[in-house]
Protein backbone atom coordinates (compact mmCIF):
# COMPACT_ATOMS: atom_id res chain seq x y z
CA MET A 1 39.46 -30.24 -7.85
CA PHE A 2 36.11 -28.35 -6.86
CA ARG A 3 35.60 -31.33 -4.70
CA GLU A 4 38.82 -31.15 -3.35
CA TRP A 5 38.43 -27.31 -2.72
CA LEU A 6 35.13 -28.06 -0.86
CA VAL A 7 36.25 -30.64 1.32
CA LYS A 8 39.80 -28.55 2.30
CA ARG A 9 37.32 -25.51 3.10
CA GLY A 10 34.58 -27.39 4.38
CA GLN A 11 35.10 -25.88 8.06
CA PHE A 12 35.25 -22.34 6.51
CA ILE A 13 32.13 -22.58 4.29
CA ILE A 14 30.38 -24.35 7.32
CA ILE A 15 31.37 -21.26 9.79
CA PHE A 16 30.34 -18.64 7.29
CA SER A 17 26.73 -20.29 6.60
CA SER A 18 26.36 -20.26 10.20
CA LEU A 19 27.47 -16.09 10.50
CA VAL A 20 25.04 -15.64 7.79
CA GLY A 21 22.14 -17.40 9.16
CA LEU A 22 22.93 -15.71 12.83
CA ILE A 23 23.18 -12.46 11.31
CA VAL A 24 19.64 -12.93 9.15
CA ILE A 25 18.02 -14.07 12.46
CA ILE A 26 19.24 -11.00 14.64
CA GLY A 27 18.40 -8.39 11.79
CA SER A 28 15.02 -9.77 11.59
CA VAL A 29 14.13 -9.72 15.10
CA LEU A 30 15.62 -5.96 15.71
CA TYR A 31 13.65 -5.31 13.33
CA GLY A 32 10.63 -6.59 14.31
CA ILE A 33 11.65 -5.14 17.69
CA GLY A 34 12.02 -1.64 16.11
CA SER A 35 8.65 -1.93 14.53
CA ALA A 36 6.86 -2.50 17.34
CA PHE A 37 8.59 -0.14 19.90
CA PHE A 38 9.83 2.67 18.06
CA THR A 39 7.06 3.66 15.63
CA SER A 40 5.73 6.79 17.43
CA SER A 41 2.65 7.55 14.45
CA ASP A 42 0.36 6.28 12.60
CA VAL A 43 0.24 9.30 10.07
CA GLU A 44 3.61 9.92 7.67
CA VAL A 45 3.70 13.40 6.15
CA SER A 46 5.66 14.39 3.37
CA TYR A 47 5.47 17.48 0.87
CA SER A 48 7.18 18.63 -2.30
CA PHE A 49 7.67 22.14 -3.61
CA TYR A 50 7.24 23.06 -7.56
CA ASP A 51 7.75 26.34 -9.19
CA ALA A 52 4.99 27.20 -10.87
CA GLU A 53 4.89 27.15 -14.71
CA LEU A 54 1.63 29.25 -15.85
CA PRO A 55 0.85 30.55 -19.25
CA THR A 56 1.73 34.24 -19.61
CA SER A 57 0.02 34.34 -22.73
CA ILE A 58 -3.08 32.91 -21.43
CA ALA A 59 -2.61 35.34 -18.27
CA THR A 60 -2.49 38.92 -20.52
CA GLU A 61 -5.67 37.63 -22.51
CA PHE A 62 -7.66 37.08 -19.52
CA ASN A 63 -6.54 40.18 -18.09
CA LYS A 64 -7.87 42.07 -20.92
CA VAL A 65 -10.93 40.46 -20.43
CA SER A 66 -11.62 40.63 -16.98
CA ASP A 67 -11.16 44.28 -17.27
CA TYR A 68 -13.90 44.63 -19.89
CA VAL A 69 -15.88 42.20 -17.75
CA LEU A 70 -15.40 44.21 -14.41
CA ASN A 71 -16.36 47.58 -16.19
CA LYS A 72 -19.36 46.41 -17.29
CA LEU A 73 -20.37 44.61 -13.84
CA ASP A 74 -22.36 47.70 -11.64
CA ASP A 75 -25.04 45.43 -10.35
CA LYS A 76 -24.19 45.02 -6.29
CA ASN A 77 -25.68 41.04 -7.45
CA THR A 78 -22.67 40.60 -9.64
CA LEU A 79 -20.05 40.78 -6.66
CA THR A 80 -19.46 37.26 -6.54
CA ILE A 81 -18.81 37.22 -10.09
CA LYS A 82 -16.22 39.75 -9.72
CA ALA A 83 -14.66 38.08 -6.85
CA SER A 84 -14.57 35.00 -8.90
CA ILE A 85 -12.82 37.17 -11.93
CA ILE A 86 -10.42 38.58 -9.20
CA ASN A 87 -9.45 35.31 -7.75
CA THR A 88 -8.91 33.96 -10.90
CA LEU A 89 -6.64 36.99 -12.00
CA ASP A 90 -4.31 36.62 -8.73
CA PHE A 91 -3.91 32.77 -10.08
CA PHE A 92 -2.65 34.07 -12.97
CA THR A 93 -0.50 37.04 -11.92
CA LYS A 94 0.42 35.76 -8.28
CA THR A 95 1.32 32.28 -8.46
CA ARG A 96 5.09 31.42 -7.44
CA ASN A 97 4.45 27.71 -6.88
CA LYS A 98 2.93 24.86 -6.69
CA VAL A 99 3.08 22.66 -2.92
CA THR A 100 1.78 19.18 -2.46
CA PHE A 101 1.32 17.82 0.88
CA GLN A 102 0.59 13.81 1.78
CA ILE A 103 -0.73 12.72 4.34
CA ARG A 104 -0.77 9.13 4.91
CA ASN A 105 -2.94 6.85 7.53
CA THR A 106 -0.75 3.83 7.61
CA SER A 107 -2.15 2.00 10.28
CA ASP A 108 -5.17 -0.05 10.47
CA ARG A 109 -7.35 2.26 12.24
CA THR A 110 -9.21 5.10 11.61
CA LEU A 111 -7.85 8.44 12.91
CA ASN A 112 -10.55 10.93 14.46
CA ASN A 113 -10.63 14.55 14.53
CA VAL A 114 -7.65 15.15 12.13
CA ASP A 115 -6.15 18.79 12.25
CA ILE A 116 -3.54 19.74 9.60
CA ARG A 117 -1.85 23.15 9.80
CA ILE A 118 0.32 24.77 6.93
CA LYS A 119 2.37 27.62 7.16
CA ASN A 120 4.54 30.20 5.42
CA VAL A 121 1.78 30.81 3.07
CA LYS A 122 2.77 34.16 1.93
CA LYS A 123 -0.28 34.38 -0.60
CA MET A 124 -2.48 31.40 -1.45
CA THR A 125 -4.12 31.65 -4.76
CA ALA A 126 -5.80 27.91 -5.00
CA TRP A 127 -6.19 24.93 -3.37
CA GLY A 128 -7.09 21.23 -3.71
CA VAL A 129 -7.85 17.95 -2.14
CA SER A 130 -7.71 14.36 -3.47
CA GLY A 131 -7.39 10.82 -2.29
CA ASN A 132 -6.90 7.41 -3.09
CA ILE A 133 -9.92 5.71 -1.29
CA LEU A 134 -11.61 9.12 -0.46
CA GLN A 135 -15.17 9.65 -1.78
CA SER A 136 -16.13 13.03 -3.35
CA SER A 137 -18.41 13.71 -0.50
CA GLU A 138 -15.43 13.34 1.71
CA ILE A 139 -12.95 15.47 -0.15
CA ASP A 140 -15.58 18.24 -0.45
CA ALA A 141 -16.18 17.95 3.23
CA ILE A 142 -12.48 18.50 3.63
CA MET A 143 -12.76 21.38 1.25
CA LYS A 144 -14.72 23.14 2.95
CA LYS A 145 -12.88 22.99 6.15
CA MET A 146 -9.96 25.07 4.63
CA LYS A 147 -9.26 28.43 6.02
CA ASN A 148 -6.74 30.85 5.05
CA ASP A 149 -5.20 33.18 7.39
CA GLU A 150 -3.45 36.07 5.42
CA THR A 151 -1.91 37.76 8.10
CA ALA A 152 -0.30 34.99 9.94
CA GLY A 153 0.24 33.19 6.80
CA ILE A 154 -0.96 29.92 8.10
CA VAL A 155 -3.58 27.47 6.31
CA THR A 156 -5.64 25.14 8.24
CA PHE A 157 -7.53 22.24 7.67
CA SER A 158 -9.80 21.51 10.85
CA ASN A 159 -11.53 18.67 12.97
CA ILE A 160 -11.22 16.33 9.64
CA GLU A 161 -13.90 13.68 11.29
CA LYS A 162 -12.18 10.87 10.32
CA LEU A 163 -9.46 9.52 8.22
CA PRO A 164 -9.70 5.87 7.13
CA PRO A 165 -7.08 3.20 7.27
CA GLN A 166 -4.38 2.94 4.52
CA THR A 167 -5.69 6.53 3.42
CA ASN A 168 -3.46 8.76 1.32
CA MET A 169 -4.95 12.55 1.39
CA ILE A 170 -3.05 14.50 -0.76
CA ILE A 171 -3.35 18.77 -0.43
CA TYR A 172 -2.61 20.75 -3.37
CA LEU A 173 -1.64 24.71 -2.41
CA TRP A 174 -0.87 27.09 -5.30
CA GLY A 175 0.27 30.77 -4.76
CA ASP A 176 3.55 32.20 -3.08
CA ILE A 177 4.52 29.79 -0.41
CA ILE A 178 8.30 30.49 1.16
CA GLN A 179 10.19 27.29 1.86
CA TYR A 180 12.65 27.39 4.48
CA SER A 181 15.86 24.83 4.96
CA PHE A 182 15.34 24.94 8.70
CA ASP A 183 11.51 25.16 9.36
CA GLU A 184 9.07 22.63 8.30
CA PRO A 185 5.77 24.06 6.65
CA ILE A 186 3.24 21.53 7.69
CA MET A 187 1.85 19.90 11.14
CA VAL A 188 -0.76 17.19 11.71
CA THR A 189 -2.19 15.88 14.65
CA TYR A 190 -5.16 14.08 15.48
CA ASP A 191 -7.11 12.11 18.84
CA GLY A 192 -4.01 10.29 20.40
CA GLY A 193 -1.10 11.42 18.17
CA VAL A 194 1.18 13.75 15.82
CA GLY A 195 2.41 12.62 12.20
CA GLU A 196 5.51 12.08 11.63
CA LEU A 197 7.29 13.68 8.98
CA VAL A 198 9.39 11.91 6.42
CA LYS A 199 12.13 13.48 4.01
CA THR A 200 11.82 12.80 0.57
CA SER A 201 14.10 13.46 -2.56
CA THR A 202 14.63 13.10 -6.12
CA VAL A 203 17.19 10.92 -7.23
CA ILE A 204 17.94 9.84 -10.85
CA GLY A 205 20.30 7.53 -12.93
CA PHE A 206 23.07 5.66 -10.97
CA ASP A 207 22.06 7.34 -7.62
CA SER A 208 18.35 5.69 -8.39
CA PHE A 209 19.78 2.59 -8.47
CA ILE A 210 21.47 2.92 -5.49
CA PHE A 211 18.75 4.30 -3.46
CA GLU A 212 16.18 1.50 -4.57
CA ASN A 213 18.96 -1.34 -3.59
CA VAL A 214 20.82 0.12 -0.84
CA LYS A 215 19.59 -2.64 1.64
CA PHE A 216 20.51 -5.50 -0.85
CA LEU A 217 23.88 -3.73 -1.62
CA ILE A 218 24.78 -3.29 2.42
CA PHE A 219 23.87 -7.20 2.65
CA ILE A 220 26.29 -7.95 0.22
CA TRP A 221 29.07 -5.83 1.62
CA ILE A 222 28.65 -7.17 4.76
CA LEU A 223 28.38 -10.82 3.51
CA ILE A 224 31.82 -9.80 1.17
CA ASN A 225 33.68 -8.40 4.53
CA ILE A 226 32.57 -11.47 6.46
CA ALA A 227 34.04 -13.78 3.70
CA ILE A 228 37.52 -11.90 3.58
CA LEU A 229 37.54 -11.84 7.42
CA LEU A 230 37.06 -15.61 7.52
CA PHE A 231 39.42 -16.42 4.90
CA VAL A 232 42.39 -14.32 6.56
CA ILE A 233 41.63 -16.30 9.84
CA ASP A 234 41.26 -19.35 8.20
CA THR A 235 44.64 -18.78 5.99
CA TYR A 236 46.30 -17.66 9.44
CA CYS A 237 44.78 -20.95 11.28
CA LYS A 238 46.74 -22.99 8.51
CA LYS A 239 49.92 -21.31 8.24
CA LYS A 240 50.04 -21.54 12.30
CA LYS A 241 49.51 -25.36 12.33
CA ASN A 242 52.03 -25.56 9.15
CA VAL A 243 54.62 -24.22 11.36
CA SER A 244 53.74 -25.96 14.35
CA ASN A 245 53.79 -29.38 12.74
CA GLN A 246 57.51 -28.71 10.95
CA PRO A 247 60.09 -31.18 12.97
CA GLU A 248 62.54 -29.16 14.77
CA GLU A 249 65.72 -28.62 13.38
CA ASN A 250 68.65 -30.37 14.96
CA SER A 251 70.87 -28.27 16.79
């Protein structure tokens, strides 16, 4: 039974297989051409906003301690300690959200003189830097390059000497950072190019399955549509052939 079906549908299977192979070849070629000619940046930039969840109880306790210590510190030599206490208190009382900025060097070359500008920073209460293959000395050097312009609401990390290939650097900001839907908060430049902003989102449940398998599902959808089209064409041609082979009725 199955052998007879193969014999009858042999031409259809050959055509279908040829079309599938042609689609795969054309798709691979177009993808390679697109990757070679339309990749405009060696750096991918993404960001994520989170609401800050600071412990209110600890903030209240620290407020009591800081008030007591600040009243006891009168010596001019303690100004640095006072500033540290005030900055810590600001972190507890004025932090509204946390934002992470990921800067990825996706190329095979080292990028020089990287400049990072983050805007819409109404109030910054803390910051940090990490990376997948950055040494602690490199992270410390980047941390020291941070400048906060509260009047303009801009935080900069200027003149980062080098960003090695395949490096993932993350900048963390705590404070009151405004998120506008029509305005991107970060810009990254380097010698010879500008970072490309990548849109990110979080998906869960069935939507997550669709997102993770979208390429495979599209491919299957194309194959099903091609199979249906070829089946319709094959059926139509056979019907037409049967009609043409029928003997003409005598008048």
